[in-house]
Amino acid sequence: MIEFELEGEFIPLIQLLKATNVVQTGGEAQIVVLDGLVKYNGVVDYRKRLKVKRGDTVEFNGNTILVK
């Protein structure tokens, strides 16, 4: 499990994937989201600009990110 400390009110999903190093680039992050490979709070979500907030979980490629 990856724990990510949120500094503001939210972080866009694409930025979260890059910040936690589960993808290499923003372009890669967009592709995996659009391909339905990312789960947000247990459900596949296709929104690139999704606002991830404290208490949310994001799953991708065997990694679970907990936003704190």
N, C-alpha and C. Protein backbone atom coordinates (compact mmCIF):
# COMPACT_ATOMS: atom_id res chain seq x y z
N MET A 1 0.85 -1.18 0.00
CA MET A 1 0.00 0.00 0.00
C MET A 1 0.88 1.24 0.00
N ILE A 2 0.51 2.19 -0.84
CA ILE A 2 1.21 3.48 -0.92
C ILE A 2 0.35 4.50 -0.20
N GLU A 3 0.92 5.20 0.77
CA GLU A 3 0.19 6.27 1.45
C GLU A 3 0.66 7.60 0.90
N PHE A 4 -0.30 8.41 0.45
CA PHE A 4 0.01 9.71 -0.15
C PHE A 4 -0.57 10.80 0.72
N GLU A 5 0.31 11.70 1.19
CA GLU A 5 -0.12 12.83 2.02
C GLU A 5 -0.60 13.97 1.12
N LEU A 6 -1.87 14.26 1.18
CA LEU A 6 -2.46 15.33 0.37
C LEU A 6 -2.19 16.67 1.04
N GLU A 7 -1.69 17.64 0.26
CA GLU A 7 -1.37 18.95 0.83
C GLU A 7 -2.50 19.95 0.66
N GLY A 8 -3.34 19.77 -0.35
CA GLY A 8 -4.46 20.69 -0.57
C GLY A 8 -5.77 19.99 -0.32
N GLU A 9 -6.82 20.50 -0.97
CA GLU A 9 -8.16 19.92 -0.81
C GLU A 9 -8.32 18.64 -1.64
N PHE A 10 -7.66 18.62 -2.82
CA PHE A 10 -7.75 17.45 -3.70
C PHE A 10 -6.54 17.41 -4.62
N ILE A 11 -6.38 16.28 -5.34
CA ILE A 11 -5.37 16.15 -6.38
C ILE A 11 -6.03 15.45 -7.56
N PRO A 12 -5.82 15.94 -8.78
CA PRO A 12 -6.39 15.26 -9.94
C PRO A 12 -5.80 13.84 -10.05
N LEU A 13 -6.62 12.91 -10.49
CA LEU A 13 -6.21 11.51 -10.58
C LEU A 13 -4.92 11.32 -11.37
N ILE A 14 -4.80 11.99 -12.50
CA ILE A 14 -3.60 11.87 -13.35
C ILE A 14 -2.35 12.28 -12.56
N GLN A 15 -2.43 13.38 -11.83
CA GLN A 15 -1.29 13.86 -11.05
C GLN A 15 -0.95 12.90 -9.92
N LEU A 16 -1.97 12.30 -9.31
CA LEU A 16 -1.73 11.33 -8.24
C LEU A 16 -0.95 10.12 -8.75
N LEU A 17 -1.35 9.62 -9.91
CA LEU A 17 -0.65 8.47 -10.48
C LEU A 17 0.81 8.79 -10.76
N LYS A 18 1.08 10.00 -11.24
CA LYS A 18 2.47 10.42 -11.49
C LYS A 18 3.22 10.64 -10.19
N ALA A 19 2.59 11.30 -9.22
CA ALA A 19 3.25 11.65 -7.96
C ALA A 19 3.66 10.41 -7.15
N THR A 20 2.92 9.33 -7.32
CA THR A 20 3.22 8.10 -6.58
C THR A 20 4.09 7.14 -7.40
N ASN A 21 4.50 7.58 -8.58
CA ASN A 21 5.39 6.81 -9.45
C ASN A 21 4.84 5.46 -9.90
N VAL A 22 3.52 5.33 -10.00
CA VAL A 22 2.96 4.10 -10.55
C VAL A 22 2.89 4.17 -12.07
N VAL A 23 3.04 5.38 -12.63
CA VAL A 23 3.22 5.59 -14.07
C VAL A 23 4.40 6.53 -14.26
N GLN A 24 4.96 6.53 -15.46
CA GLN A 24 6.14 7.36 -15.73
C GLN A 24 5.79 8.77 -16.17
N THR A 25 4.70 8.89 -16.96
CA THR A 25 4.36 10.19 -17.55
C THR A 25 2.86 10.48 -17.42
N GLY A 26 2.53 11.73 -17.64
CA GLY A 26 1.12 12.11 -17.64
C GLY A 26 0.37 11.45 -18.79
N GLY A 27 1.03 11.29 -19.92
CA GLY A 27 0.42 10.63 -21.06
C GLY A 27 0.08 9.18 -20.75
N GLU A 28 0.99 8.50 -20.08
CA GLU A 28 0.74 7.11 -19.68
C GLU A 28 -0.43 7.05 -18.69
N ALA A 29 -0.48 8.01 -17.77
CA ALA A 29 -1.56 8.07 -16.78
C ALA A 29 -2.91 8.23 -17.48
N GLN A 30 -2.97 9.10 -18.47
CA GLN A 30 -4.23 9.30 -19.20
C GLN A 30 -4.67 8.03 -19.91
N ILE A 31 -3.72 7.32 -20.51
CA ILE A 31 -4.04 6.09 -21.24
C ILE A 31 -4.60 5.03 -20.30
N VAL A 32 -3.94 4.82 -19.15
CA VAL A 32 -4.41 3.75 -18.25
C VAL A 32 -5.78 4.08 -17.67
N VAL A 33 -6.06 5.37 -17.46
CA VAL A 33 -7.38 5.76 -16.96
C VAL A 33 -8.44 5.52 -18.04
N LEU A 34 -8.17 5.98 -19.25
CA LEU A 34 -9.13 5.83 -20.34
C LEU A 34 -9.35 4.36 -20.72
N ASP A 35 -8.33 3.52 -20.50
CA ASP A 35 -8.45 2.09 -20.80
C ASP A 35 -9.18 1.32 -19.69
N GLY A 36 -9.57 2.02 -18.61
CA GLY A 36 -10.33 1.37 -17.54
C GLY A 36 -9.47 0.51 -16.62
N LEU A 37 -8.20 0.85 -16.50
CA LEU A 37 -7.28 0.06 -15.68
C LEU A 37 -7.15 0.59 -14.26
N VAL A 38 -7.83 1.69 -13.95
CA VAL A 38 -7.71 2.32 -12.64
C VAL A 38 -9.04 2.23 -11.90
N LYS A 39 -8.97 1.84 -10.64
CA LYS A 39 -10.17 1.80 -9.80
C LYS A 39 -10.09 2.93 -8.77
N TYR A 40 -11.22 3.62 -8.59
CA TYR A 40 -11.35 4.69 -7.62
C TYR A 40 -12.36 4.23 -6.58
N ASN A 41 -11.92 4.07 -5.35
CA ASN A 41 -12.77 3.55 -4.27
C ASN A 41 -13.47 2.25 -4.68
N GLY A 42 -12.69 1.38 -5.35
CA GLY A 42 -13.17 0.04 -5.70
C GLY A 42 -13.94 -0.08 -7.00
N VAL A 43 -14.15 1.03 -7.71
CA VAL A 43 -14.94 1.02 -8.95
C VAL A 43 -14.08 1.60 -10.08
N VAL A 44 -14.12 0.95 -11.25
CA VAL A 44 -13.40 1.48 -12.41
C VAL A 44 -13.94 2.87 -12.74
N ASP A 45 -13.02 3.82 -12.94
CA ASP A 45 -13.41 5.19 -13.22
C ASP A 45 -12.59 5.70 -14.41
N TYR A 46 -13.27 6.32 -15.36
CA TYR A 46 -12.63 6.77 -16.60
C TYR A 46 -12.35 8.28 -16.62
N ARG A 47 -12.60 8.97 -15.51
CA ARG A 47 -12.44 10.44 -15.49
C ARG A 47 -11.00 10.82 -15.21
N LYS A 48 -10.35 11.46 -16.18
CA LYS A 48 -8.95 11.87 -16.03
C LYS A 48 -8.81 12.99 -15.00
N ARG A 49 -9.80 13.86 -14.94
CA ARG A 49 -9.71 15.02 -14.06
C ARG A 49 -10.43 14.80 -12.72
N LEU A 50 -10.66 13.55 -12.40
CA LEU A 50 -11.30 13.19 -11.14
C LEU A 50 -10.54 13.81 -9.96
N LYS A 51 -11.26 14.43 -9.04
CA LYS A 51 -10.65 15.05 -7.87
C LYS A 51 -10.57 14.02 -6.75
N VAL A 52 -9.37 13.58 -6.46
CA VAL A 52 -9.15 12.59 -5.41
C VAL A 52 -8.92 13.33 -4.09
N LYS A 53 -9.65 12.92 -3.06
CA LYS A 53 -9.60 13.61 -1.77
C LYS A 53 -9.15 12.67 -0.66
N ARG A 54 -8.93 13.22 0.52
CA ARG A 54 -8.52 12.42 1.68
C ARG A 54 -9.51 11.28 1.93
N GLY A 55 -8.98 10.12 2.25
CA GLY A 55 -9.82 8.96 2.53
C GLY A 55 -10.12 8.11 1.32
N ASP A 56 -9.83 8.63 0.12
CA ASP A 56 -10.06 7.87 -1.11
C ASP A 56 -8.95 6.86 -1.34
N THR A 57 -9.27 5.80 -2.08
CA THR A 57 -8.26 4.84 -2.51
C THR A 57 -8.28 4.73 -4.02
N VAL A 58 -7.10 4.54 -4.59
CA VAL A 58 -6.94 4.36 -6.03
C VAL A 58 -6.13 3.10 -6.23
N GLU A 59 -6.60 2.23 -7.13
CA GLU A 59 -5.90 0.98 -7.41
C GLU A 59 -5.48 0.94 -8.87
N PHE A 60 -4.22 0.54 -9.10
CA PHE A 60 -3.71 0.38 -10.45
C PHE A 60 -2.52 -0.57 -10.45
N ASN A 61 -2.56 -1.55 -11.32
CA ASN A 61 -1.42 -2.44 -11.57
C ASN A 61 -0.89 -3.08 -10.29
N GLY A 62 -1.78 -3.53 -9.42
CA GLY A 62 -1.38 -4.19 -8.19
C GLY A 62 -1.00 -3.25 -7.06
N ASN A 63 -1.08 -1.96 -7.30
CA ASN A 63 -0.78 -0.95 -6.29
C ASN A 63 -2.07 -0.34 -5.76
N THR A 64 -2.14 -0.16 -4.45
CA THR A 64 -3.26 0.56 -3.84
C THR A 64 -2.70 1.83 -3.21
N ILE A 65 -3.27 2.95 -3.59
CA ILE A 65 -2.85 4.26 -3.07
C ILE A 65 -3.93 4.75 -2.10
N LEU A 66 -3.53 5.03 -0.88
CA LEU A 66 -4.45 5.60 0.11
C LEU A 66 -4.09 7.05 0.28
N VAL A 67 -5.07 7.92 0.07
CA VAL A 67 -4.84 9.36 0.18
C VAL A 67 -5.16 9.79 1.59
N LYS A 68 -4.18 10.43 2.24
CA LYS A 68 -4.34 10.86 3.64
C LYS A 68 -4.27 12.36 3.75
